[in-house]
C-alpha cells in the first residue's frame, strides 16, 4: 500500500480555502 498521514489541524489556519467553502475533503 501507499500511506498518507496528516496531523490534527484547524482548517481555517492550515488550508487555503476557496471563498465561501463550508467543508473540505
PDBML (XML) file of the C-alpha atoms, coordinates in Angstrom:
<?xml version="1.0" encoding="UTF-8" ?>
<PDBx:datablock datablockName="MODEL"
   xmlns:PDBx="http://pdbml.pdb.org/schema/pdbx-v50.xsd"
   xmlns:xsi="http://www.w3.org/2001/XMLSchema-instance"
   xsi:schemaLocation="http://pdbml.pdb.org/schema/pdbx-v50.xsd pdbx-v50.xsd">
   <PDBx:atom_siteCategory>
      <PDBx:atom_site id="1">
         <PDBx:B_iso_or_equiv>0.00</PDBx:B_iso_or_equiv>
         <PDBx:Cartn_x>0.000</PDBx:Cartn_x>
         <PDBx:Cartn_y>0.000</PDBx:Cartn_y>
         <PDBx:Cartn_z>0.000</PDBx:Cartn_z>
         <PDBx:auth_asym_id>A</PDBx:auth_asym_id>
         <PDBx:auth_atom_id>CA</PDBx:auth_atom_id>
         <PDBx:auth_comp_id>UNK</PDBx:auth_comp_id>
         <PDBx:auth_seq_id>1</PDBx:auth_seq_id>
         <PDBx:group_PDB>ATOM</PDBx:group_PDB>
         <PDBx:label_alt_id xsi:nil="true" />
         <PDBx:label_asym_id>A</PDBx:label_asym_id>
         <PDBx:label_atom_id>CA</PDBx:label_atom_id>
         <PDBx:label_comp_id>UNK</PDBx:label_comp_id>
         <PDBx:label_entity_id>1</PDBx:label_entity_id>
         <PDBx:label_seq_id>1</PDBx:label_seq_id>
         <PDBx:occupancy>1.00</PDBx:occupancy>
         <PDBx:pdbx_PDB_model_num>1</PDBx:pdbx_PDB_model_num>
         <PDBx:type_symbol>C</PDBx:type_symbol>
      </PDBx:atom_site>
      <PDBx:atom_site id="2">
         <PDBx:B_iso_or_equiv>0.00</PDBx:B_iso_or_equiv>
         <PDBx:Cartn_x>0.723</PDBx:Cartn_x>
         <PDBx:Cartn_y>3.717</PDBx:Cartn_y>
         <PDBx:Cartn_z>-0.131</PDBx:Cartn_z>
         <PDBx:auth_asym_id>A</PDBx:auth_asym_id>
         <PDBx:auth_atom_id>CA</PDBx:auth_atom_id>
         <PDBx:auth_comp_id>UNK</PDBx:auth_comp_id>
         <PDBx:auth_seq_id>2</PDBx:auth_seq_id>
         <PDBx:group_PDB>ATOM</PDBx:group_PDB>
         <PDBx:label_alt_id xsi:nil="true" />
         <PDBx:label_asym_id>A</PDBx:label_asym_id>
         <PDBx:label_atom_id>CA</PDBx:label_atom_id>
         <PDBx:label_comp_id>UNK</PDBx:label_comp_id>
         <PDBx:label_entity_id>1</PDBx:label_entity_id>
         <PDBx:label_seq_id>2</PDBx:label_seq_id>
         <PDBx:occupancy>1.00</PDBx:occupancy>
         <PDBx:pdbx_PDB_model_num>1</PDBx:pdbx_PDB_model_num>
         <PDBx:type_symbol>C</PDBx:type_symbol>
      </PDBx:atom_site>
      <PDBx:atom_site id="3">
         <PDBx:B_iso_or_equiv>0.00</PDBx:B_iso_or_equiv>
         <PDBx:Cartn_x>0.002</PDBx:Cartn_x>
         <PDBx:Cartn_y>5.676</PDBx:Cartn_y>
         <PDBx:Cartn_z>3.027</PDBx:Cartn_z>
         <PDBx:auth_asym_id>A</PDBx:auth_asym_id>
         <PDBx:auth_atom_id>CA</PDBx:auth_atom_id>
         <PDBx:auth_comp_id>UNK</PDBx:auth_comp_id>
         <PDBx:auth_seq_id>3</PDBx:auth_seq_id>
         <PDBx:group_PDB>ATOM</PDBx:group_PDB>
         <PDBx:label_alt_id xsi:nil="true" />
         <PDBx:label_asym_id>A</PDBx:label_asym_id>
         <PDBx:label_atom_id>CA</PDBx:label_atom_id>
         <PDBx:label_comp_id>UNK</PDBx:label_comp_id>
         <PDBx:label_entity_id>1</PDBx:label_entity_id>
         <PDBx:label_seq_id>3</PDBx:label_seq_id>
         <PDBx:occupancy>1.00</PDBx:occupancy>
         <PDBx:pdbx_PDB_model_num>1</PDBx:pdbx_PDB_model_num>
         <PDBx:type_symbol>C</PDBx:type_symbol>
      </PDBx:atom_site>
      <PDBx:atom_site id="4">
         <PDBx:B_iso_or_equiv>0.00</PDBx:B_iso_or_equiv>
         <PDBx:Cartn_x>-0.566</PDBx:Cartn_x>
         <PDBx:Cartn_y>9.355</PDBx:Cartn_y>
         <PDBx:Cartn_z>3.759</PDBx:Cartn_z>
         <PDBx:auth_asym_id>A</PDBx:auth_asym_id>
         <PDBx:auth_atom_id>CA</PDBx:auth_atom_id>
         <PDBx:auth_comp_id>UNK</PDBx:auth_comp_id>
         <PDBx:auth_seq_id>4</PDBx:auth_seq_id>
         <PDBx:group_PDB>ATOM</PDBx:group_PDB>
         <PDBx:label_alt_id xsi:nil="true" />
         <PDBx:label_asym_id>A</PDBx:label_asym_id>
         <PDBx:label_atom_id>CA</PDBx:label_atom_id>
         <PDBx:label_comp_id>UNK</PDBx:label_comp_id>
         <PDBx:label_entity_id>1</PDBx:label_entity_id>
         <PDBx:label_seq_id>4</PDBx:label_seq_id>
         <PDBx:occupancy>1.00</PDBx:occupancy>
         <PDBx:pdbx_PDB_model_num>1</PDBx:pdbx_PDB_model_num>
         <PDBx:type_symbol>C</PDBx:type_symbol>
      </PDBx:atom_site>
      <PDBx:atom_site id="5">
         <PDBx:B_iso_or_equiv>0.00</PDBx:B_iso_or_equiv>
         <PDBx:Cartn_x>-0.720</PDBx:Cartn_x>
         <PDBx:Cartn_y>10.785</PDBx:Cartn_y>
         <PDBx:Cartn_z>7.289</PDBx:Cartn_z>
         <PDBx:auth_asym_id>A</PDBx:auth_asym_id>
         <PDBx:auth_atom_id>CA</PDBx:auth_atom_id>
         <PDBx:auth_comp_id>UNK</PDBx:auth_comp_id>
         <PDBx:auth_seq_id>5</PDBx:auth_seq_id>
         <PDBx:group_PDB>ATOM</PDBx:group_PDB>
         <PDBx:label_alt_id xsi:nil="true" />
         <PDBx:label_asym_id>A</PDBx:label_asym_id>
         <PDBx:label_atom_id>CA</PDBx:label_atom_id>
         <PDBx:label_comp_id>UNK</PDBx:label_comp_id>
         <PDBx:label_entity_id>1</PDBx:label_entity_id>
         <PDBx:label_seq_id>5</PDBx:label_seq_id>
         <PDBx:occupancy>1.00</PDBx:occupancy>
         <PDBx:pdbx_PDB_model_num>1</PDBx:pdbx_PDB_model_num>
         <PDBx:type_symbol>C</PDBx:type_symbol>
      </PDBx:atom_site>
      <PDBx:atom_site id="6">
         <PDBx:B_iso_or_equiv>0.00</PDBx:B_iso_or_equiv>
         <PDBx:Cartn_x>-1.708</PDBx:Cartn_x>
         <PDBx:Cartn_y>14.304</PDBx:Cartn_y>
         <PDBx:Cartn_z>8.305</PDBx:Cartn_z>
         <PDBx:auth_asym_id>A</PDBx:auth_asym_id>
         <PDBx:auth_atom_id>CA</PDBx:auth_atom_id>
         <PDBx:auth_comp_id>UNK</PDBx:auth_comp_id>
         <PDBx:auth_seq_id>6</PDBx:auth_seq_id>
         <PDBx:group_PDB>ATOM</PDBx:group_PDB>
         <PDBx:label_alt_id xsi:nil="true" />
         <PDBx:label_asym_id>A</PDBx:label_asym_id>
         <PDBx:label_atom_id>CA</PDBx:label_atom_id>
         <PDBx:label_comp_id>UNK</PDBx:label_comp_id>
         <PDBx:label_entity_id>1</PDBx:label_entity_id>
         <PDBx:label_seq_id>6</PDBx:label_seq_id>
         <PDBx:occupancy>1.00</PDBx:occupancy>
         <PDBx:pdbx_PDB_model_num>1</PDBx:pdbx_PDB_model_num>
         <PDBx:type_symbol>C</PDBx:type_symbol>
      </PDBx:atom_site>
      <PDBx:atom_site id="7">
         <PDBx:B_iso_or_equiv>0.00</PDBx:B_iso_or_equiv>
         <PDBx:Cartn_x>-1.662</PDBx:Cartn_x>
         <PDBx:Cartn_y>15.561</PDBx:Cartn_y>
         <PDBx:Cartn_z>11.908</PDBx:Cartn_z>
         <PDBx:auth_asym_id>A</PDBx:auth_asym_id>
         <PDBx:auth_atom_id>CA</PDBx:auth_atom_id>
         <PDBx:auth_comp_id>UNK</PDBx:auth_comp_id>
         <PDBx:auth_seq_id>7</PDBx:auth_seq_id>
         <PDBx:group_PDB>ATOM</PDBx:group_PDB>
         <PDBx:label_alt_id xsi:nil="true" />
         <PDBx:label_asym_id>A</PDBx:label_asym_id>
         <PDBx:label_atom_id>CA</PDBx:label_atom_id>
         <PDBx:label_comp_id>UNK</PDBx:label_comp_id>
         <PDBx:label_entity_id>1</PDBx:label_entity_id>
         <PDBx:label_seq_id>7</PDBx:label_seq_id>
         <PDBx:occupancy>1.00</PDBx:occupancy>
         <PDBx:pdbx_PDB_model_num>1</PDBx:pdbx_PDB_model_num>
         <PDBx:type_symbol>C</PDBx:type_symbol>
      </PDBx:atom_site>
      <PDBx:atom_site id="8">
         <PDBx:B_iso_or_equiv>0.00</PDBx:B_iso_or_equiv>
         <PDBx:Cartn_x>-4.666</PDBx:Cartn_x>
         <PDBx:Cartn_y>17.173</PDBx:Cartn_y>
         <PDBx:Cartn_z>13.575</PDBx:Cartn_z>
         <PDBx:auth_asym_id>A</PDBx:auth_asym_id>
         <PDBx:auth_atom_id>CA</PDBx:auth_atom_id>
         <PDBx:auth_comp_id>UNK</PDBx:auth_comp_id>
         <PDBx:auth_seq_id>8</PDBx:auth_seq_id>
         <PDBx:group_PDB>ATOM</PDBx:group_PDB>
         <PDBx:label_alt_id xsi:nil="true" />
         <PDBx:label_asym_id>A</PDBx:label_asym_id>
         <PDBx:label_atom_id>CA</PDBx:label_atom_id>
         <PDBx:label_comp_id>UNK</PDBx:label_comp_id>
         <PDBx:label_entity_id>1</PDBx:label_entity_id>
         <PDBx:label_seq_id>8</PDBx:label_seq_id>
         <PDBx:occupancy>1.00</PDBx:occupancy>
         <PDBx:pdbx_PDB_model_num>1</PDBx:pdbx_PDB_model_num>
         <PDBx:type_symbol>C</PDBx:type_symbol>
      </PDBx:atom_site>
      <PDBx:atom_site id="9">
         <PDBx:B_iso_or_equiv>0.00</PDBx:B_iso_or_equiv>
         <PDBx:Cartn_x>-5.255</PDBx:Cartn_x>
         <PDBx:Cartn_y>20.689</PDBx:Cartn_y>
         <PDBx:Cartn_z>12.276</PDBx:Cartn_z>
         <PDBx:auth_asym_id>A</PDBx:auth_asym_id>
         <PDBx:auth_atom_id>CA</PDBx:auth_atom_id>
         <PDBx:auth_comp_id>UNK</PDBx:auth_comp_id>
         <PDBx:auth_seq_id>9</PDBx:auth_seq_id>
         <PDBx:group_PDB>ATOM</PDBx:group_PDB>
         <PDBx:label_alt_id xsi:nil="true" />
         <PDBx:label_asym_id>A</PDBx:label_asym_id>
         <PDBx:label_atom_id>CA</PDBx:label_atom_id>
         <PDBx:label_comp_id>UNK</PDBx:label_comp_id>
         <PDBx:label_entity_id>1</PDBx:label_entity_id>
         <PDBx:label_seq_id>9</PDBx:label_seq_id>
         <PDBx:occupancy>1.00</PDBx:occupancy>
         <PDBx:pdbx_PDB_model_num>1</PDBx:pdbx_PDB_model_num>
         <PDBx:type_symbol>C</PDBx:type_symbol>
      </PDBx:atom_site>
      <PDBx:atom_site id="10">
         <PDBx:B_iso_or_equiv>0.00</PDBx:B_iso_or_equiv>
         <PDBx:Cartn_x>-7.607</PDBx:Cartn_x>
         <PDBx:Cartn_y>23.660</PDBx:Cartn_y>
         <PDBx:Cartn_z>12.198</PDBx:Cartn_z>
         <PDBx:auth_asym_id>A</PDBx:auth_asym_id>
         <PDBx:auth_atom_id>CA</PDBx:auth_atom_id>
         <PDBx:auth_comp_id>UNK</PDBx:auth_comp_id>
         <PDBx:auth_seq_id>10</PDBx:auth_seq_id>
         <PDBx:group_PDB>ATOM</PDBx:group_PDB>
         <PDBx:label_alt_id xsi:nil="true" />
         <PDBx:label_asym_id>A</PDBx:label_asym_id>
         <PDBx:label_atom_id>CA</PDBx:label_atom_id>
         <PDBx:label_comp_id>UNK</PDBx:label_comp_id>
         <PDBx:label_entity_id>1</PDBx:label_entity_id>
         <PDBx:label_seq_id>10</PDBx:label_seq_id>
         <PDBx:occupancy>1.00</PDBx:occupancy>
         <PDBx:pdbx_PDB_model_num>1</PDBx:pdbx_PDB_model_num>
         <PDBx:type_symbol>C</PDBx:type_symbol>
      </PDBx:atom_site>
      <PDBx:atom_site id="11">
         <PDBx:B_iso_or_equiv>0.00</PDBx:B_iso_or_equiv>
         <PDBx:Cartn_x>-8.807</PDBx:Cartn_x>
         <PDBx:Cartn_y>24.054</PDBx:Cartn_y>
         <PDBx:Cartn_z>8.574</PDBx:Cartn_z>
         <PDBx:auth_asym_id>A</PDBx:auth_asym_id>
         <PDBx:auth_atom_id>CA</PDBx:auth_atom_id>
         <PDBx:auth_comp_id>UNK</PDBx:auth_comp_id>
         <PDBx:auth_seq_id>11</PDBx:auth_seq_id>
         <PDBx:group_PDB>ATOM</PDBx:group_PDB>
         <PDBx:label_alt_id xsi:nil="true" />
         <PDBx:label_asym_id>A</PDBx:label_asym_id>
         <PDBx:label_atom_id>CA</PDBx:label_atom_id>
         <PDBx:label_comp_id>UNK</PDBx:label_comp_id>
         <PDBx:label_entity_id>1</PDBx:label_entity_id>
         <PDBx:label_seq_id>11</PDBx:label_seq_id>
         <PDBx:occupancy>1.00</PDBx:occupancy>
         <PDBx:pdbx_PDB_model_num>1</PDBx:pdbx_PDB_model_num>
         <PDBx:type_symbol>C</PDBx:type_symbol>
      </PDBx:atom_site>
      <PDBx:atom_site id="12">
         <PDBx:B_iso_or_equiv>0.00</PDBx:B_iso_or_equiv>
         <PDBx:Cartn_x>-9.116</PDBx:Cartn_x>
         <PDBx:Cartn_y>27.837</PDBx:Cartn_y>
         <PDBx:Cartn_z>8.666</PDBx:Cartn_z>
         <PDBx:auth_asym_id>A</PDBx:auth_asym_id>
         <PDBx:auth_atom_id>CA</PDBx:auth_atom_id>
         <PDBx:auth_comp_id>UNK</PDBx:auth_comp_id>
         <PDBx:auth_seq_id>12</PDBx:auth_seq_id>
         <PDBx:group_PDB>ATOM</PDBx:group_PDB>
         <PDBx:label_alt_id xsi:nil="true" />
         <PDBx:label_asym_id>A</PDBx:label_asym_id>
         <PDBx:label_atom_id>CA</PDBx:label_atom_id>
         <PDBx:label_comp_id>UNK</PDBx:label_comp_id>
         <PDBx:label_entity_id>1</PDBx:label_entity_id>
         <PDBx:label_seq_id>12</PDBx:label_seq_id>
         <PDBx:occupancy>1.00</PDBx:occupancy>
         <PDBx:pdbx_PDB_model_num>1</PDBx:pdbx_PDB_model_num>
         <PDBx:type_symbol>C</PDBx:type_symbol>
      </PDBx:atom_site>
      <PDBx:atom_site id="13">
         <PDBx:B_iso_or_equiv>0.00</PDBx:B_iso_or_equiv>
         <PDBx:Cartn_x>-5.492</PDBx:Cartn_x>
         <PDBx:Cartn_y>28.105</PDBx:Cartn_y>
         <PDBx:Cartn_z>9.840</PDBx:Cartn_z>
         <PDBx:auth_asym_id>A</PDBx:auth_asym_id>
         <PDBx:auth_atom_id>CA</PDBx:auth_atom_id>
         <PDBx:auth_comp_id>UNK</PDBx:auth_comp_id>
         <PDBx:auth_seq_id>13</PDBx:auth_seq_id>
         <PDBx:group_PDB>ATOM</PDBx:group_PDB>
         <PDBx:label_alt_id xsi:nil="true" />
         <PDBx:label_asym_id>A</PDBx:label_asym_id>
         <PDBx:label_atom_id>CA</PDBx:label_atom_id>
         <PDBx:label_comp_id>UNK</PDBx:label_comp_id>
         <PDBx:label_entity_id>1</PDBx:label_entity_id>
         <PDBx:label_seq_id>13</PDBx:label_seq_id>
         <PDBx:occupancy>1.00</PDBx:occupancy>
         <PDBx:pdbx_PDB_model_num>1</PDBx:pdbx_PDB_model_num>
         <PDBx:type_symbol>C</PDBx:type_symbol>
      </PDBx:atom_site>
      <PDBx:atom_site id="14">
         <PDBx:B_iso_or_equiv>0.00</PDBx:B_iso_or_equiv>
         <PDBx:Cartn_x>-3.793</PDBx:Cartn_x>
         <PDBx:Cartn_y>25.455</PDBx:Cartn_y>
         <PDBx:Cartn_z>7.720</PDBx:Cartn_z>
         <PDBx:auth_asym_id>A</PDBx:auth_asym_id>
         <PDBx:auth_atom_id>CA</PDBx:auth_atom_id>
         <PDBx:auth_comp_id>UNK</PDBx:auth_comp_id>
         <PDBx:auth_seq_id>14</PDBx:auth_seq_id>
         <PDBx:group_PDB>ATOM</PDBx:group_PDB>
         <PDBx:label_alt_id xsi:nil="true" />
         <PDBx:label_asym_id>A</PDBx:label_asym_id>
         <PDBx:label_atom_id>CA</PDBx:label_atom_id>
         <PDBx:label_comp_id>UNK</PDBx:label_comp_id>
         <PDBx:label_entity_id>1</PDBx:label_entity_id>
         <PDBx:label_seq_id>14</PDBx:label_seq_id>
         <PDBx:occupancy>1.00</PDBx:occupancy>
         <PDBx:pdbx_PDB_model_num>1</PDBx:pdbx_PDB_model_num>
         <PDBx:type_symbol>C</PDBx:type_symbol>
      </PDBx:atom_site>
      <PDBx:atom_site id="15">
         <PDBx:B_iso_or_equiv>0.00</PDBx:B_iso_or_equiv>
         <PDBx:Cartn_x>-5.757</PDBx:Cartn_x>
         <PDBx:Cartn_y>25.209</PDBx:Cartn_y>
         <PDBx:Cartn_z>4.469</PDBx:Cartn_z>
         <PDBx:auth_asym_id>A</PDBx:auth_asym_id>
         <PDBx:auth_atom_id>CA</PDBx:auth_atom_id>
         <PDBx:auth_comp_id>UNK</PDBx:auth_comp_id>
         <PDBx:auth_seq_id>15</PDBx:auth_seq_id>
         <PDBx:group_PDB>ATOM</PDBx:group_PDB>
         <PDBx:label_alt_id xsi:nil="true" />
         <PDBx:label_asym_id>A</PDBx:label_asym_id>
         <PDBx:label_atom_id>CA</PDBx:label_atom_id>
         <PDBx:label_comp_id>UNK</PDBx:label_comp_id>
         <PDBx:label_entity_id>1</PDBx:label_entity_id>
         <PDBx:label_seq_id>15</PDBx:label_seq_id>
         <PDBx:occupancy>1.00</PDBx:occupancy>
         <PDBx:pdbx_PDB_model_num>1</PDBx:pdbx_PDB_model_num>
         <PDBx:type_symbol>C</PDBx:type_symbol>
      </PDBx:atom_site>
      <PDBx:atom_site id="16">
         <PDBx:B_iso_or_equiv>0.00</PDBx:B_iso_or_equiv>
         <PDBx:Cartn_x>-6.063</PDBx:Cartn_x>
         <PDBx:Cartn_y>27.812</PDBx:Cartn_y>
         <PDBx:Cartn_z>1.693</PDBx:Cartn_z>
         <PDBx:auth_asym_id>A</PDBx:auth_asym_id>
         <PDBx:auth_atom_id>CA</PDBx:auth_atom_id>
         <PDBx:auth_comp_id>UNK</PDBx:auth_comp_id>
         <PDBx:auth_seq_id>16</PDBx:auth_seq_id>
         <PDBx:group_PDB>ATOM</PDBx:group_PDB>
         <PDBx:label_alt_id xsi:nil="true" />
         <PDBx:label_asym_id>A</PDBx:label_asym_id>
         <PDBx:label_atom_id>CA</PDBx:label_atom_id>
         <PDBx:label_comp_id>UNK</PDBx:label_comp_id>
         <PDBx:label_entity_id>1</PDBx:label_entity_id>
         <PDBx:label_seq_id>16</PDBx:label_seq_id>
         <PDBx:occupancy>1.00</PDBx:occupancy>
         <PDBx:pdbx_PDB_model_num>1</PDBx:pdbx_PDB_model_num>
         <PDBx:type_symbol>C</PDBx:type_symbol>
      </PDBx:atom_site>
      <PDBx:atom_site id="17">
         <PDBx:B_iso_or_equiv>0.00</PDBx:B_iso_or_equiv>
         <PDBx:Cartn_x>-9.835</PDBx:Cartn_x>
         <PDBx:Cartn_y>27.538</PDBx:Cartn_y>
         <PDBx:Cartn_z>1.461</PDBx:Cartn_z>
         <PDBx:auth_asym_id>A</PDBx:auth_asym_id>
         <PDBx:auth_atom_id>CA</PDBx:auth_atom_id>
         <PDBx:auth_comp_id>UNK</PDBx:auth_comp_id>
         <PDBx:auth_seq_id>17</PDBx:auth_seq_id>
         <PDBx:group_PDB>ATOM</PDBx:group_PDB>
         <PDBx:label_alt_id xsi:nil="true" />
         <PDBx:label_asym_id>A</PDBx:label_asym_id>
         <PDBx:label_atom_id>CA</PDBx:label_atom_id>
         <PDBx:label_comp_id>UNK</PDBx:label_comp_id>
         <PDBx:label_entity_id>1</PDBx:label_entity_id>
         <PDBx:label_seq_id>17</PDBx:label_seq_id>
         <PDBx:occupancy>1.00</PDBx:occupancy>
         <PDBx:pdbx_PDB_model_num>1</PDBx:pdbx_PDB_model_num>
         <PDBx:type_symbol>C</PDBx:type_symbol>
      </PDBx:atom_site>
      <PDBx:atom_site id="18">
         <PDBx:B_iso_or_equiv>0.00</PDBx:B_iso_or_equiv>
         <PDBx:Cartn_x>-11.842</PDBx:Cartn_x>
         <PDBx:Cartn_y>28.831</PDBx:Cartn_y>
         <PDBx:Cartn_z>-1.507</PDBx:Cartn_z>
         <PDBx:auth_asym_id>A</PDBx:auth_asym_id>
         <PDBx:auth_atom_id>CA</PDBx:auth_atom_id>
         <PDBx:auth_comp_id>UNK</PDBx:auth_comp_id>
         <PDBx:auth_seq_id>18</PDBx:auth_seq_id>
         <PDBx:group_PDB>ATOM</PDBx:group_PDB>
         <PDBx:label_alt_id xsi:nil="true" />
         <PDBx:label_asym_id>A</PDBx:label_asym_id>
         <PDBx:label_atom_id>CA</PDBx:label_atom_id>
         <PDBx:label_comp_id>UNK</PDBx:label_comp_id>
         <PDBx:label_entity_id>1</PDBx:label_entity_id>
         <PDBx:label_seq_id>18</PDBx:label_seq_id>
         <PDBx:occupancy>1.00</PDBx:occupancy>
         <PDBx:pdbx_PDB_model_num>1</PDBx:pdbx_PDB_model_num>
         <PDBx:type_symbol>C</PDBx:type_symbol>
      </PDBx:atom_site>
      <PDBx:atom_site id="19">
         <PDBx:B_iso_or_equiv>0.00</PDBx:B_iso_or_equiv>
         <PDBx:Cartn_x>-14.074</PDBx:Cartn_x>
         <PDBx:Cartn_y>31.755</PDBx:Cartn_y>
         <PDBx:Cartn_z>-0.662</PDBx:Cartn_z>
         <PDBx:auth_asym_id>A</PDBx:auth_asym_id>
         <PDBx:auth_atom_id>CA</PDBx:auth_atom_id>
         <PDBx:auth_comp_id>UNK</PDBx:auth_comp_id>
         <PDBx:auth_seq_id>19</PDBx:auth_seq_id>
         <PDBx:group_PDB>ATOM</PDBx:group_PDB>
         <PDBx:label_alt_id xsi:nil="true" />
         <PDBx:label_asym_id>A</PDBx:label_asym_id>
         <PDBx:label_atom_id>CA</PDBx:label_atom_id>
         <PDBx:label_comp_id>UNK</PDBx:label_comp_id>
         <PDBx:label_entity_id>1</PDBx:label_entity_id>
         <PDBx:label_seq_id>19</PDBx:label_seq_id>
         <PDBx:occupancy>1.00</PDBx:occupancy>
         <PDBx:pdbx_PDB_model_num>1</PDBx:pdbx_PDB_model_num>
         <PDBx:type_symbol>C</PDBx:type_symbol>
      </PDBx:atom_site>
      <PDBx:atom_site id="20">
         <PDBx:B_iso_or_equiv>0.00</PDBx:B_iso_or_equiv>
         <PDBx:Cartn_x>-17.388</PDBx:Cartn_x>
         <PDBx:Cartn_y>30.551</PDBx:Cartn_y>
         <PDBx:Cartn_z>0.741</PDBx:Cartn_z>
         <PDBx:auth_asym_id>A</PDBx:auth_asym_id>
         <PDBx:auth_atom_id>CA</PDBx:auth_atom_id>
         <PDBx:auth_comp_id>UNK</PDBx:auth_comp_id>
         <PDBx:auth_seq_id>20</PDBx:auth_seq_id>
         <PDBx:group_PDB>ATOM</PDBx:group_PDB>
         <PDBx:label_alt_id xsi:nil="true" />
         <PDBx:label_asym_id>A</PDBx:label_asym_id>
         <PDBx:label_atom_id>CA</PDBx:label_atom_id>
         <PDBx:label_comp_id>UNK</PDBx:label_comp_id>
         <PDBx:label_entity_id>1</PDBx:label_entity_id>
         <PDBx:label_seq_id>20</PDBx:label_seq_id>
         <PDBx:occupancy>1.00</PDBx:occupancy>
         <PDBx:pdbx_PDB_model_num>1</PDBx:pdbx_PDB_model_num>
         <PDBx:type_symbol>C</PDBx:type_symbol>
      </PDBx:atom_site>
      <PDBx:atom_site id="21">
         <PDBx:B_iso_or_equiv>0.00</PDBx:B_iso_or_equiv>
         <PDBx:Cartn_x>-16.211</PDBx:Cartn_x>
         <PDBx:Cartn_y>26.979</PDBx:Cartn_y>
         <PDBx:Cartn_z>1.403</PDBx:Cartn_z>
         <PDBx:auth_asym_id>A</PDBx:auth_asym_id>
         <PDBx:auth_atom_id>CA</PDBx:auth_atom_id>
         <PDBx:auth_comp_id>UNK</PDBx:auth_comp_id>
         <PDBx:auth_seq_id>21</PDBx:auth_seq_id>
         <PDBx:group_PDB>ATOM</PDBx:group_PDB>
         <PDBx:label_alt_id xsi:nil="true" />
         <PDBx:label_asym_id>A</PDBx:label_asym_id>
         <PDBx:label_atom_id>CA</PDBx:label_atom_id>
         <PDBx:label_comp_id>UNK</PDBx:label_comp_id>
         <PDBx:label_entity_id>1</PDBx:label_entity_id>
         <PDBx:label_seq_id>21</PDBx:label_seq_id>
         <PDBx:occupancy>1.00</PDBx:occupancy>
         <PDBx:pdbx_PDB_model_num>1</PDBx:pdbx_PDB_model_num>
         <PDBx:type_symbol>C</PDBx:type_symbol>
      </PDBx:atom_site>
      <PDBx:atom_site id="22">
         <PDBx:B_iso_or_equiv>0.00</PDBx:B_iso_or_equiv>
         <PDBx:Cartn_x>-18.023</PDBx:Cartn_x>
         <PDBx:Cartn_y>25.228</PDBx:Cartn_y>
         <PDBx:Cartn_z>4.247</PDBx:Cartn_z>
         <PDBx:auth_asym_id>A</PDBx:auth_asym_id>
         <PDBx:auth_atom_id>CA</PDBx:auth_atom_id>
         <PDBx:auth_comp_id>UNK</PDBx:auth_comp_id>
         <PDBx:auth_seq_id>22</PDBx:auth_seq_id>
         <PDBx:group_PDB>ATOM</PDBx:group_PDB>
         <PDBx:label_alt_id xsi:nil="true" />
         <PDBx:label_asym_id>A</PDBx:label_asym_id>
         <PDBx:label_atom_id>CA</PDBx:label_atom_id>
         <PDBx:label_comp_id>UNK</PDBx:label_comp_id>
         <PDBx:label_entity_id>1</PDBx:label_entity_id>
         <PDBx:label_seq_id>22</PDBx:label_seq_id>
         <PDBx:occupancy>1.00</PDBx:occupancy>
         <PDBx:pdbx_PDB_model_num>1</PDBx:pdbx_PDB_model_num>
         <PDBx:type_symbol>C</PDBx:type_symbol>
      </PDBx:atom_site>
      <PDBx:atom_site id="23">
         <PDBx:B_iso_or_equiv>0.00</PDBx:B_iso_or_equiv>
         <PDBx:Cartn_x>-16.387</PDBx:Cartn_x>
         <PDBx:Cartn_y>21.783</PDBx:Cartn_y>
         <PDBx:Cartn_z>4.095</PDBx:Cartn_z>
         <PDBx:auth_asym_id>A</PDBx:auth_asym_id>
         <PDBx:auth_atom_id>CA</PDBx:auth_atom_id>
         <PDBx:auth_comp_id>UNK</PDBx:auth_comp_id>
         <PDBx:auth_seq_id>23</PDBx:auth_seq_id>
         <PDBx:group_PDB>ATOM</PDBx:group_PDB>
         <PDBx:label_alt_id xsi:nil="true" />
         <PDBx:label_asym_id>A</PDBx:label_asym_id>
         <PDBx:label_atom_id>CA</PDBx:label_atom_id>
         <PDBx:label_comp_id>UNK</PDBx:label_comp_id>
         <PDBx:label_entity_id>1</PDBx:label_entity_id>
         <PDBx:label_seq_id>23</PDBx:label_seq_id>
         <PDBx:occupancy>1.00</PDBx:occupancy>
         <PDBx:pdbx_PDB_model_num>1</PDBx:pdbx_PDB_model_num>
         <PDBx:type_symbol>C</PDBx:type_symbol>
      </PDBx:atom_site>
      <PDBx:atom_site id="24">
         <PDBx:B_iso_or_equiv>0.00</PDBx:B_iso_or_equiv>
         <PDBx:Cartn_x>-13.226</PDBx:Cartn_x>
         <PDBx:Cartn_y>20.180</PDBx:Cartn_y>
         <PDBx:Cartn_z>2.773</PDBx:Cartn_z>
         <PDBx:auth_asym_id>A</PDBx:auth_asym_id>
         <PDBx:auth_atom_id>CA</PDBx:auth_atom_id>
         <PDBx:auth_comp_id>UNK</PDBx:auth_comp_id>
         <PDBx:auth_seq_id>24</PDBx:auth_seq_id>
         <PDBx:group_PDB>ATOM</PDBx:group_PDB>
         <PDBx:label_alt_id xsi:nil="true" />
         <PDBx:label_asym_id>A</PDBx:label_asym_id>
         <PDBx:label_atom_id>CA</PDBx:label_atom_id>
         <PDBx:label_comp_id>UNK</PDBx:label_comp_id>
         <PDBx:label_entity_id>1</PDBx:label_entity_id>
         <PDBx:label_seq_id>24</PDBx:label_seq_id>
         <PDBx:occupancy>1.00</PDBx:occupancy>
         <PDBx:pdbx_PDB_model_num>1</PDBx:pdbx_PDB_model_num>
         <PDBx:type_symbol>C</PDBx:type_symbol>
      </PDBx:atom_site>
      <PDBx:atom_site id="25">
         <PDBx:B_iso_or_equiv>0.00</PDBx:B_iso_or_equiv>
         <PDBx:Cartn_x>-12.106</PDBx:Cartn_x>
         <PDBx:Cartn_y>16.675</PDBx:Cartn_y>
         <PDBx:Cartn_z>1.957</PDBx:Cartn_z>
         <PDBx:auth_asym_id>A</PDBx:auth_asym_id>
         <PDBx:auth_atom_id>CA</PDBx:auth_atom_id>
         <PDBx:auth_comp_id>UNK</PDBx:auth_comp_id>
         <PDBx:auth_seq_id>25</PDBx:auth_seq_id>
         <PDBx:group_PDB>ATOM</PDBx:group_PDB>
         <PDBx:label_alt_id xsi:nil="true" />
         <PDBx:label_asym_id>A</PDBx:label_asym_id>
         <PDBx:label_atom_id>CA</PDBx:label_atom_id>
         <PDBx:label_comp_id>UNK</PDBx:label_comp_id>
         <PDBx:label_entity_id>1</PDBx:label_entity_id>
         <PDBx:label_seq_id>25</PDBx:label_seq_id>
         <PDBx:occupancy>1.00</PDBx:occupancy>
         <PDBx:pdbx_PDB_model_num>1</PDBx:pdbx_PDB_model_num>
         <PDBx:type_symbol>C</PDBx:type_symbol>
      </PDBx:atom_site>
   </PDBx:atom_siteCategory>
</PDBx:datablock>
